[in-house]
């Protein structure tokens, strides 16, 4: 989610700092987000401090796609792929999600390595 929102000159640290607010409004809860609509998610993003103006709804749409994939288990293999060095397969998996392109996928892998 951090990588997905930290694009177009929006700093990773700024997004990370919003995580507590995202958690408070359940934007990190895959079941909640997957069952929400884009309008609701757009309002929650904006009210949490992530306001990209007229583009905020696009990010809400991307988060919805991500959380539907998380909730369905489509990304369950991702941590193992990254930790075992199968980066190309991890990138392919990530890019299969609507709203994730190669640069966001690479940022996900990079941020995941920072956590390990």
C-alpha atoms as a PDB file:
ATOM      1  CA  UNK A   1       0.000   0.000   0.000  1.00  0.00           C
ATOM      2  CA  UNK A   2       2.842   2.385   0.848  1.00  0.00           C
ATOM      3  CA  UNK A   3       4.505   1.782  -2.515  1.00  0.00           C
ATOM      4  CA  UNK A   4       1.221   2.182  -4.357  1.00  0.00           C
ATOM      5  CA  UNK A   5       0.496   5.547  -2.738  1.00  0.00           C
ATOM      6  CA  UNK A   6       4.090   6.833  -2.926  1.00  0.00           C
ATOM      7  CA  UNK A   7       4.147   7.721  -6.613  1.00  0.00           C
ATOM      8  CA  UNK A   8       4.269  10.909  -8.686  1.00  0.00           C
ATOM      9  CA  UNK A   9       6.681  12.672  -6.310  1.00  0.00           C
ATOM     10  CA  UNK A  10       4.755  11.674  -3.159  1.00  0.00           C
ATOM     11  CA  UNK A  11       7.451  10.619  -0.640  1.00  0.00           C
ATOM     12  CA  UNK A  12       7.470   7.177   0.963  1.00  0.00           C
ATOM     13  CA  UNK A  13       8.088   8.721   4.392  1.00  0.00           C
ATOM     14  CA  UNK A  14       5.038  10.925   4.069  1.00  0.00           C
ATOM     15  CA  UNK A  15       2.918   7.878   3.266  1.00  0.00           C
ATOM     16  CA  UNK A  16       4.477   5.886   6.113  1.00  0.00           C
ATOM     17  CA  UNK A  17       3.603   8.694   8.514  1.00  0.00           C
ATOM     18  CA  UNK A  18      -0.056   8.348   7.505  1.00  0.00           C
ATOM     19  CA  UNK A  19      -0.204   4.627   8.360  1.00  0.00           C
ATOM     20  CA  UNK A  20      -1.607   5.146  11.883  1.00  0.00           C
ATOM     21  CA  UNK A  21      -4.432   7.229  10.414  1.00  0.00           C
ATOM     22  CA  UNK A  22      -5.024   4.615   7.703  1.00  0.00           C
ATOM     23  CA  UNK A  23      -5.242   1.935  10.404  1.00  0.00           C
ATOM     24  CA  UNK A  24      -7.700   4.026  12.430  1.00  0.00           C
ATOM     25  CA  UNK A  25     -10.136   4.186   9.502  1.00  0.00           C
ATOM     26  CA  UNK A  26      -9.518   0.536   8.492  1.00  0.00           C
ATOM     27  CA  UNK A  27      -7.746   1.300   5.206  1.00  0.00           C
ATOM     28  CA  UNK A  28      -5.237  -1.423   6.088  1.00  0.00           C
ATOM     29  CA  UNK A  29      -7.976  -3.986   6.744  1.00  0.00           C
ATOM     30  CA  UNK A  30      -8.269  -6.006   3.530  1.00  0.00           C
ATOM     31  CA  UNK A  31     -11.745  -7.346   4.312  1.00  0.00           C
ATOM     32  CA  UNK A  32     -13.102  -3.885   5.086  1.00  0.00           C
ATOM     33  CA  UNK A  33     -11.538  -2.283   2.019  1.00  0.00           C
ATOM     34  CA  UNK A  34     -12.503  -5.163  -0.299  1.00  0.00           C
ATOM     35  CA  UNK A  35     -16.130  -4.730   0.719  1.00  0.00           C
ATOM     36  CA  UNK A  36     -16.074  -0.925   0.375  1.00  0.00           C
ATOM     37  CA  UNK A  37     -16.713   1.261  -2.640  1.00  0.00           C
ATOM     38  CA  UNK A  38     -14.390   3.755  -4.282  1.00  0.00           C
ATOM     39  CA  UNK A  39     -16.318   6.794  -3.029  1.00  0.00           C
ATOM     40  CA  UNK A  40     -16.002   5.672   0.597  1.00  0.00           C
ATOM     41  CA  UNK A  41     -12.325   4.836   0.198  1.00  0.00           C
ATOM     42  CA  UNK A  42     -11.657   8.204  -1.440  1.00  0.00           C
ATOM     43  CA  UNK A  43     -13.202  10.025   1.520  1.00  0.00           C
ATOM     44  CA  UNK A  44     -11.235   7.880   3.980  1.00  0.00           C
ATOM     45  CA  UNK A  45      -7.960   8.560   2.177  1.00  0.00           C
ATOM     46  CA  UNK A  46      -8.606  12.299   2.086  1.00  0.00           C
ATOM     47  CA  UNK A  47      -9.744  12.514   5.687  1.00  0.00           C
ATOM     48  CA  UNK A  48      -6.617  10.582   6.730  1.00  0.00           C
ATOM     49  CA  UNK A  49      -4.360  13.184   5.152  1.00  0.00           C
ATOM     50  CA  UNK A  50      -3.761  11.545   1.782  1.00  0.00           C
ATOM     51  CA  UNK A  51      -5.432  14.053  -0.487  1.00  0.00           C
ATOM     52  CA  UNK A  52      -4.238  14.082  -4.083  1.00  0.00           C
ATOM     53  CA  UNK A  53      -7.056  16.319  -5.245  1.00  0.00           C
ATOM     54  CA  UNK A  54      -8.935  15.042  -8.276  1.00  0.00           C
ATOM     55  CA  UNK A  55      -6.670  11.970  -8.407  1.00  0.00           C
ATOM     56  CA  UNK A  56      -7.458  10.642  -4.943  1.00  0.00           C
ATOM     57  CA  UNK A  57     -10.242   8.423  -6.298  1.00  0.00           C
ATOM     58  CA  UNK A  58      -7.732   6.723  -8.607  1.00  0.00           C
ATOM     59  CA  UNK A  59      -5.611   5.770  -5.619  1.00  0.00           C
ATOM     60  CA  UNK A  60      -8.729   4.529  -3.833  1.00  0.00           C
ATOM     61  CA  UNK A  61      -9.438   2.341  -6.867  1.00  0.00           C
ATOM     62  CA  UNK A  62      -5.897   0.954  -6.775  1.00  0.00           C
ATOM     63  CA  UNK A  63      -6.090   0.224  -3.049  1.00  0.00           C
ATOM     64  CA  UNK A  64      -9.373  -1.572  -3.615  1.00  0.00           C
ATOM     65  CA  UNK A  65      -7.733  -3.823  -6.225  1.00  0.00           C
ATOM     66  CA  UNK A  66      -4.803  -4.497  -3.910  1.00  0.00           C
ATOM     67  CA  UNK A  67      -6.977  -5.370  -0.935  1.00  0.00           C
ATOM     68  CA  UNK A  68      -9.243  -7.635  -3.003  1.00  0.00           C
ATOM     69  CA  UNK A  69      -6.094  -9.495  -4.074  1.00  0.00           C
ATOM     70  CA  UNK A  70      -4.830  -9.677  -0.498  1.00  0.00           C
ATOM     71  CA  UNK A  71      -8.181 -10.851   0.804  1.00  0.00           C
ATOM     72  CA  UNK A  72      -8.431 -13.571  -1.847  1.00  0.00           C
ATOM     73  CA  UNK A  73      -4.984 -14.942  -1.020  1.00  0.00           C
ATOM     74  CA  UNK A  74      -3.565 -14.033  -4.431  1.00  0.00           C
ATOM     75  CA  UNK A  75      -0.492 -12.482  -2.778  1.00  0.00           C
ATOM     76  CA  UNK A  76       0.173 -15.155  -0.160  1.00  0.00           C
ATOM     77  CA  UNK A  77       3.322 -16.339  -1.946  1.00  0.00           C
ATOM     78  CA  UNK A  78       4.829 -12.852  -2.253  1.00  0.00           C
ATOM     79  CA  UNK A  79       6.957 -12.792   0.944  1.00  0.00           C
ATOM     80  CA  UNK A  80       8.524 -16.161   0.091  1.00  0.00           C
ATOM     81  CA  UNK A  81       9.208 -15.106  -3.495  1.00  0.00           C
ATOM     82  CA  UNK A  82      10.969 -11.954  -2.343  1.00  0.00           C
ATOM     83  CA  UNK A  83      12.951 -13.577   0.482  1.00  0.00           C
ATOM     84  CA  UNK A  84      14.094 -16.432  -1.769  1.00  0.00           C
ATOM     85  CA  UNK A  85      15.316 -14.018  -4.436  1.00  0.00           C
ATOM     86  CA  UNK A  86      12.665 -14.810  -7.047  1.00  0.00           C
ATOM     87  CA  UNK A  87      12.238 -11.125  -7.771  1.00  0.00           C
ATOM     88  CA  UNK A  88      11.095 -11.533 -11.384  1.00  0.00           C
ATOM     89  CA  UNK A  89       8.277 -13.843 -10.306  1.00  0.00           C
ATOM     90  CA  UNK A  90       7.362 -11.444  -7.476  1.00  0.00           C
ATOM     91  CA  UNK A  91       7.261  -8.530  -9.930  1.00  0.00           C
ATOM     92  CA  UNK A  92       5.086 -10.528 -12.311  1.00  0.00           C
ATOM     93  CA  UNK A  93       2.674 -11.382  -9.498  1.00  0.00           C
ATOM     94  CA  UNK A  94       2.477  -7.760  -8.354  1.00  0.00           C
ATOM     95  CA  UNK A  95       1.984  -6.436 -11.878  1.00  0.00           C
ATOM     96  CA  UNK A  96      -1.001  -8.746 -12.296  1.00  0.00           C
ATOM     97  CA  UNK A  97      -2.894  -6.524  -9.841  1.00  0.00           C
ATOM     98  CA  UNK A  98      -4.813  -3.626 -11.310  1.00  0.00           C
ATOM     99  CA  UNK A  99      -3.053  -0.370 -10.520  1.00  0.00           C
ATOM    100  CA  UNK A 100       0.388  -1.864  -9.980  1.00  0.00           C
ATOM    101  CA  UNK A 101       2.943  -1.278 -12.693  1.00  0.00           C
ATOM    102  CA  UNK A 102       6.586  -2.222 -12.799  1.00  0.00           C
ATOM    103  CA  UNK A 103       7.867   0.826 -10.879  1.00  0.00           C
ATOM    104  CA  UNK A 104       5.390   0.315  -8.013  1.00  0.00           C
ATOM    105  CA  UNK A 105       6.142  -3.426  -7.998  1.00  0.00           C
ATOM    106  CA  UNK A 106       9.870  -2.721  -7.776  1.00  0.00           C
ATOM    107  CA  UNK A 107       9.228  -0.300  -4.904  1.00  0.00           C
ATOM    108  CA  UNK A 108       7.240  -3.034  -3.094  1.00  0.00           C
ATOM    109  CA  UNK A 109      10.183  -5.420  -3.423  1.00  0.00           C
ATOM    110  CA  UNK A 110      12.608  -2.724  -2.258  1.00  0.00           C
ATOM    111  CA  UNK A 111      10.475  -1.816   0.774  1.00  0.00           C
ATOM    112  CA  UNK A 112      10.008  -5.499   1.619  1.00  0.00           C
ATOM    113  CA  UNK A 113      13.765  -6.025   1.707  1.00  0.00           C
ATOM    114  CA  UNK A 114      14.070  -3.081   4.119  1.00  0.00           C
ATOM    115  CA  UNK A 115      11.667  -4.857   6.504  1.00  0.00           C
ATOM    116  CA  UNK A 116      13.501  -8.207   6.429  1.00  0.00           C
END
